[in-house]
Every structure is written in C-alpha cells, then in structure tokens.
Amino acid sequence: MLKDELLQVRYVRYLDRLIELSEKEIFRTRFQPKYRGLALMYNRVLAETKKNFVSVYKKDIVAAFKDFQDKGRLEIVASCATHGFSRTSA
C-alpha cells in the first residue's frame, strides 16, 4: 500500500487540507495567543511533513525505510496486518 500511487496522491491531498485548516485556525485565533501558538505549531509540522514526504522521500516511504535500515537506524519486522484476536468459551 505504501507504494500505491493513488494512495500517495491522496495522502498529499490530505496533508494539503490539513495545512489549509491550520491556516484558517491561525487566522481564527489571531487574537487568542494561547491557541494561536498551537495552530502555528500544527501548520509548521504539517508543512514539514509534506515537504519531507514529497521532496525528501519522493513519496517513497519504503525506500526511506530501507535507507534507515541500511544505516542501522531501523529494523524492519514483519507482523500481522491486524491485531490478534482470541476468543475463549465461557
């Protein structure tokens, strides 16, 4: 799924919508410094996330994971796609 182009495009679109929302919150809270700082933080984090995904990792998170694994910073471990579920009879 991480290599699926449609999902990559949708993720960028999702980030764009969140960035737009954070910009609206920055404006909405312009007279509320207590909350405006939070909106500014989210805007910064979301913009950085988009920049990293698009420009740094070229939308290829799998290659980024491989690079981190090759550098010894990450160990990739296979697991179930869903949580295990066990049912006992009463």
N, C-alpha and C. Protein backbone atom coordinates (compact mmCIF):
# COMPACT_ATOMS: atom_id res chain seq x y z
N MET A 1 0.81 -1.20 0.00
CA MET A 1 0.00 0.00 0.00
C MET A 1 0.86 1.27 0.00
N LEU A 2 2.01 1.20 0.65
CA LEU A 2 2.87 2.39 0.72
C LEU A 2 3.43 2.79 -0.64
N LYS A 3 3.44 1.88 -1.61
CA LYS A 3 3.95 2.18 -2.94
C LYS A 3 2.82 2.53 -3.92
N ASP A 4 1.59 2.45 -3.49
CA ASP A 4 0.45 2.72 -4.35
C ASP A 4 0.37 4.20 -4.68
N GLU A 5 0.44 4.53 -5.98
CA GLU A 5 0.46 5.93 -6.41
C GLU A 5 -0.82 6.67 -6.03
N LEU A 6 -1.96 6.01 -6.13
CA LEU A 6 -3.22 6.65 -5.77
C LEU A 6 -3.22 7.04 -4.30
N LEU A 7 -2.75 6.15 -3.44
CA LEU A 7 -2.71 6.46 -2.01
C LEU A 7 -1.69 7.56 -1.71
N GLN A 8 -0.61 7.60 -2.45
CA GLN A 8 0.38 8.67 -2.27
C GLN A 8 -0.24 10.02 -2.62
N VAL A 9 -0.97 10.07 -3.73
CA VAL A 9 -1.63 11.31 -4.15
C VAL A 9 -2.68 11.72 -3.12
N ARG A 10 -3.43 10.75 -2.63
CA ARG A 10 -4.45 11.05 -1.63
C ARG A 10 -3.82 11.56 -0.33
N TYR A 11 -2.67 11.01 0.04
CA TYR A 11 -2.00 11.46 1.26
C TYR A 11 -1.55 12.92 1.13
N VAL A 12 -1.01 13.28 -0.03
CA VAL A 12 -0.60 14.67 -0.25
C VAL A 12 -1.83 15.58 -0.20
N ARG A 13 -2.92 15.15 -0.80
CA ARG A 13 -4.17 15.93 -0.77
C ARG A 13 -4.67 16.09 0.67
N TYR A 14 -4.57 15.01 1.45
CA TYR A 14 -4.97 15.04 2.85
C TYR A 14 -4.11 16.05 3.63
N LEU A 15 -2.80 16.01 3.40
CA LEU A 15 -1.92 16.97 4.06
C LEU A 15 -2.26 18.40 3.64
N ASP A 16 -2.55 18.60 2.36
CA ASP A 16 -2.93 19.94 1.88
C ASP A 16 -4.16 20.46 2.61
N ARG A 17 -5.15 19.58 2.80
CA ARG A 17 -6.37 20.00 3.50
C ARG A 17 -6.07 20.34 4.97
N LEU A 18 -5.21 19.55 5.60
CA LEU A 18 -4.85 19.85 6.99
C LEU A 18 -4.06 21.15 7.09
N ILE A 19 -3.19 21.40 6.13
CA ILE A 19 -2.44 22.66 6.12
C ILE A 19 -3.39 23.83 5.93
N GLU A 20 -4.35 23.68 5.03
CA GLU A 20 -5.35 24.73 4.82
C GLU A 20 -6.15 24.98 6.10
N LEU A 21 -6.55 23.91 6.77
CA LEU A 21 -7.28 24.06 8.03
C LEU A 21 -6.42 24.77 9.08
N SER A 22 -5.14 24.41 9.15
CA SER A 22 -4.27 25.06 10.13
C SER A 22 -4.13 26.56 9.82
N GLU A 23 -4.11 26.92 8.55
CA GLU A 23 -4.03 28.33 8.17
C GLU A 23 -5.30 29.08 8.59
N LYS A 24 -6.45 28.42 8.45
CA LYS A 24 -7.70 29.03 8.90
C LYS A 24 -7.69 29.20 10.41
N GLU A 25 -7.12 28.23 11.11
CA GLU A 25 -7.04 28.32 12.57
C GLU A 25 -6.08 29.43 13.00
N ILE A 26 -5.01 29.60 12.25
CA ILE A 26 -4.09 30.71 12.56
C ILE A 26 -4.83 32.03 12.46
N PHE A 27 -5.62 32.18 11.41
CA PHE A 27 -6.41 33.41 11.25
C PHE A 27 -7.47 33.54 12.34
N ARG A 28 -8.19 32.44 12.59
CA ARG A 28 -9.28 32.47 13.56
C ARG A 28 -8.78 32.82 14.97
N THR A 29 -7.60 32.38 15.29
CA THR A 29 -7.06 32.59 16.64
C THR A 29 -6.10 33.78 16.72
N ARG A 30 -6.17 34.67 15.75
CA ARG A 30 -5.22 35.78 15.69
C ARG A 30 -5.26 36.67 16.92
N PHE A 31 -6.38 36.68 17.63
CA PHE A 31 -6.47 37.48 18.85
C PHE A 31 -6.47 36.61 20.11
N GLN A 32 -6.10 35.34 19.93
CA GLN A 32 -6.04 34.40 21.06
C GLN A 32 -4.66 33.75 21.09
N PRO A 33 -3.67 34.44 21.62
CA PRO A 33 -2.30 33.93 21.58
C PRO A 33 -2.15 32.56 22.20
N LYS A 34 -2.98 32.25 23.19
CA LYS A 34 -2.90 30.95 23.85
C LYS A 34 -3.16 29.81 22.85
N TYR A 35 -4.07 30.03 21.93
CA TYR A 35 -4.43 28.99 20.95
C TYR A 35 -3.69 29.17 19.62
N ARG A 36 -3.32 30.39 19.31
CA ARG A 36 -2.65 30.65 18.03
C ARG A 36 -1.32 29.92 17.95
N GLY A 37 -0.61 29.83 19.05
CA GLY A 37 0.66 29.10 19.06
C GLY A 37 0.49 27.65 18.66
N LEU A 38 -0.60 27.04 19.11
CA LEU A 38 -0.88 25.65 18.75
C LEU A 38 -1.16 25.53 17.25
N ALA A 39 -1.95 26.46 16.73
CA ALA A 39 -2.25 26.45 15.29
C ALA A 39 -0.97 26.63 14.48
N LEU A 40 -0.09 27.52 14.93
CA LEU A 40 1.18 27.74 14.24
C LEU A 40 2.05 26.49 14.27
N MET A 41 2.06 25.80 15.42
CA MET A 41 2.85 24.57 15.54
C MET A 41 2.33 23.51 14.57
N TYR A 42 1.01 23.32 14.53
CA TYR A 42 0.45 22.32 13.61
C TYR A 42 0.76 22.69 12.16
N ASN A 43 0.65 23.95 11.82
CA ASN A 43 0.95 24.39 10.46
C ASN A 43 2.39 24.06 10.10
N ARG A 44 3.31 24.34 11.02
CA ARG A 44 4.74 24.07 10.79
C ARG A 44 4.99 22.57 10.63
N VAL A 45 4.42 21.76 11.52
CA VAL A 45 4.63 20.31 11.48
C VAL A 45 4.05 19.72 10.20
N LEU A 46 2.86 20.15 9.83
CA LEU A 46 2.22 19.62 8.63
C LEU A 46 2.98 20.02 7.36
N ALA A 47 3.43 21.26 7.30
CA ALA A 47 4.21 21.71 6.14
C ALA A 47 5.52 20.93 6.04
N GLU A 48 6.18 20.71 7.17
CA GLU A 48 7.43 19.94 7.18
C GLU A 48 7.18 18.48 6.78
N THR A 49 6.08 17.92 7.25
CA THR A 49 5.72 16.55 6.88
C THR A 49 5.52 16.43 5.38
N LYS A 50 4.79 17.38 4.80
CA LYS A 50 4.55 17.35 3.36
C LYS A 50 5.87 17.52 2.59
N LYS A 51 6.70 18.46 3.04
CA LYS A 51 7.99 18.69 2.37
C LYS A 51 8.84 17.42 2.40
N ASN A 52 8.90 16.78 3.55
CA ASN A 52 9.69 15.55 3.65
C ASN A 52 9.13 14.45 2.76
N PHE A 53 7.82 14.25 2.80
CA PHE A 53 7.20 13.19 2.01
C PHE A 53 7.41 13.41 0.52
N VAL A 54 7.19 14.65 0.06
CA VAL A 54 7.25 14.94 -1.38
C VAL A 54 8.67 15.17 -1.86
N SER A 55 9.42 16.03 -1.18
CA SER A 55 10.73 16.44 -1.69
C SER A 55 11.88 15.55 -1.22
N VAL A 56 11.87 15.21 0.04
CA VAL A 56 12.99 14.43 0.58
C VAL A 56 12.86 12.96 0.19
N TYR A 57 11.67 12.37 0.46
CA TYR A 57 11.49 10.93 0.22
C TYR A 57 10.84 10.62 -1.12
N LYS A 58 10.52 11.65 -1.90
CA LYS A 58 9.94 11.47 -3.24
C LYS A 58 8.71 10.55 -3.21
N LYS A 59 7.92 10.66 -2.15
CA LYS A 59 6.70 9.88 -1.93
C LYS A 59 6.98 8.38 -1.78
N ASP A 60 8.22 8.00 -1.59
CA ASP A 60 8.60 6.58 -1.50
C ASP A 60 9.08 6.27 -0.07
N ILE A 61 8.11 6.03 0.79
CA ILE A 61 8.42 5.75 2.19
C ILE A 61 9.15 4.41 2.32
N VAL A 62 8.85 3.47 1.45
CA VAL A 62 9.51 2.16 1.51
C VAL A 62 11.02 2.33 1.31
N ALA A 63 11.41 3.14 0.34
CA ALA A 63 12.83 3.39 0.10
C ALA A 63 13.45 4.11 1.29
N ALA A 64 12.70 5.02 1.91
CA ALA A 64 13.20 5.72 3.09
C ALA A 64 13.43 4.73 4.23
N PHE A 65 12.48 3.83 4.44
CA PHE A 65 12.66 2.80 5.47
C PHE A 65 13.89 1.95 5.16
N LYS A 66 14.07 1.58 3.90
CA LYS A 66 15.23 0.77 3.52
C LYS A 66 16.53 1.51 3.80
N ASP A 67 16.54 2.79 3.49
CA ASP A 67 17.73 3.60 3.75
C ASP A 67 18.04 3.63 5.25
N PHE A 68 17.03 3.82 6.07
CA PHE A 68 17.25 3.82 7.52
C PHE A 68 17.70 2.44 8.00
N GLN A 69 17.15 1.39 7.41
CA GLN A 69 17.56 0.04 7.78
C GLN A 69 19.02 -0.20 7.39
N ASP A 70 19.40 0.22 6.19
CA ASP A 70 20.78 0.04 5.73
C ASP A 70 21.78 0.81 6.61
N LYS A 71 21.33 1.91 7.19
CA LYS A 71 22.19 2.71 8.07
C LYS A 71 22.20 2.18 9.51
N GLY A 72 21.41 1.12 9.77
CA GLY A 72 21.36 0.54 11.10
C GLY A 72 20.50 1.32 12.08
N ARG A 73 19.65 2.19 11.59
CA ARG A 73 18.79 3.00 12.45
C ARG A 73 17.40 2.43 12.63
N LEU A 74 17.08 1.40 11.86
CA LEU A 74 15.73 0.85 11.88
C LEU A 74 15.81 -0.63 11.59
N GLU A 75 15.03 -1.39 12.28
CA GLU A 75 14.92 -2.82 11.98
C GLU A 75 13.49 -3.09 11.56
N ILE A 76 13.34 -3.60 10.35
CA ILE A 76 12.02 -3.88 9.83
C ILE A 76 11.62 -5.29 10.24
N VAL A 77 10.48 -5.39 10.87
CA VAL A 77 9.99 -6.67 11.38
C VAL A 77 8.60 -6.90 10.79
N ALA A 78 8.40 -8.07 10.24
CA ALA A 78 7.08 -8.41 9.68
C ALA A 78 6.12 -8.74 10.83
N SER A 79 4.86 -8.39 10.63
CA SER A 79 3.85 -8.72 11.64
C SER A 79 2.50 -8.87 10.94
N CYS A 80 1.51 -9.26 11.72
CA CYS A 80 0.15 -9.38 11.17
C CYS A 80 -0.36 -8.00 10.78
N ALA A 81 -1.24 -7.99 9.82
CA ALA A 81 -1.81 -6.72 9.39
C ALA A 81 -2.83 -6.20 10.41
N THR A 82 -3.38 -7.11 11.20
CA THR A 82 -4.35 -6.72 12.21
C THR A 82 -3.94 -7.31 13.55
N HIS A 83 -4.52 -6.80 14.59
CA HIS A 83 -4.24 -7.32 15.92
C HIS A 83 -4.79 -8.73 16.06
N GLY A 84 -4.08 -9.54 16.80
CA GLY A 84 -4.57 -10.88 17.07
C GLY A 84 -5.84 -10.82 17.92
N PHE A 85 -6.71 -11.74 17.70
CA PHE A 85 -7.95 -11.80 18.46
C PHE A 85 -8.16 -13.23 18.92
N SER A 86 -8.41 -13.38 20.18
CA SER A 86 -8.63 -14.72 20.71
C SER A 86 -9.92 -14.74 21.48
N ARG A 87 -10.69 -15.75 21.29
CA ARG A 87 -11.96 -15.85 21.98
C ARG A 87 -11.96 -17.14 22.80
N THR A 88 -12.32 -16.99 24.02
CA THR A 88 -12.42 -18.17 24.88
C THR A 88 -13.89 -18.44 25.13
N SER A 89 -14.20 -19.70 25.26
CA SER A 89 -15.61 -20.04 25.53
C SER A 89 -15.87 -19.90 27.02
N ALA A 90 -17.05 -19.49 27.35
CA ALA A 90 -17.41 -19.25 28.76
C ALA A 90 -17.84 -20.50 29.45
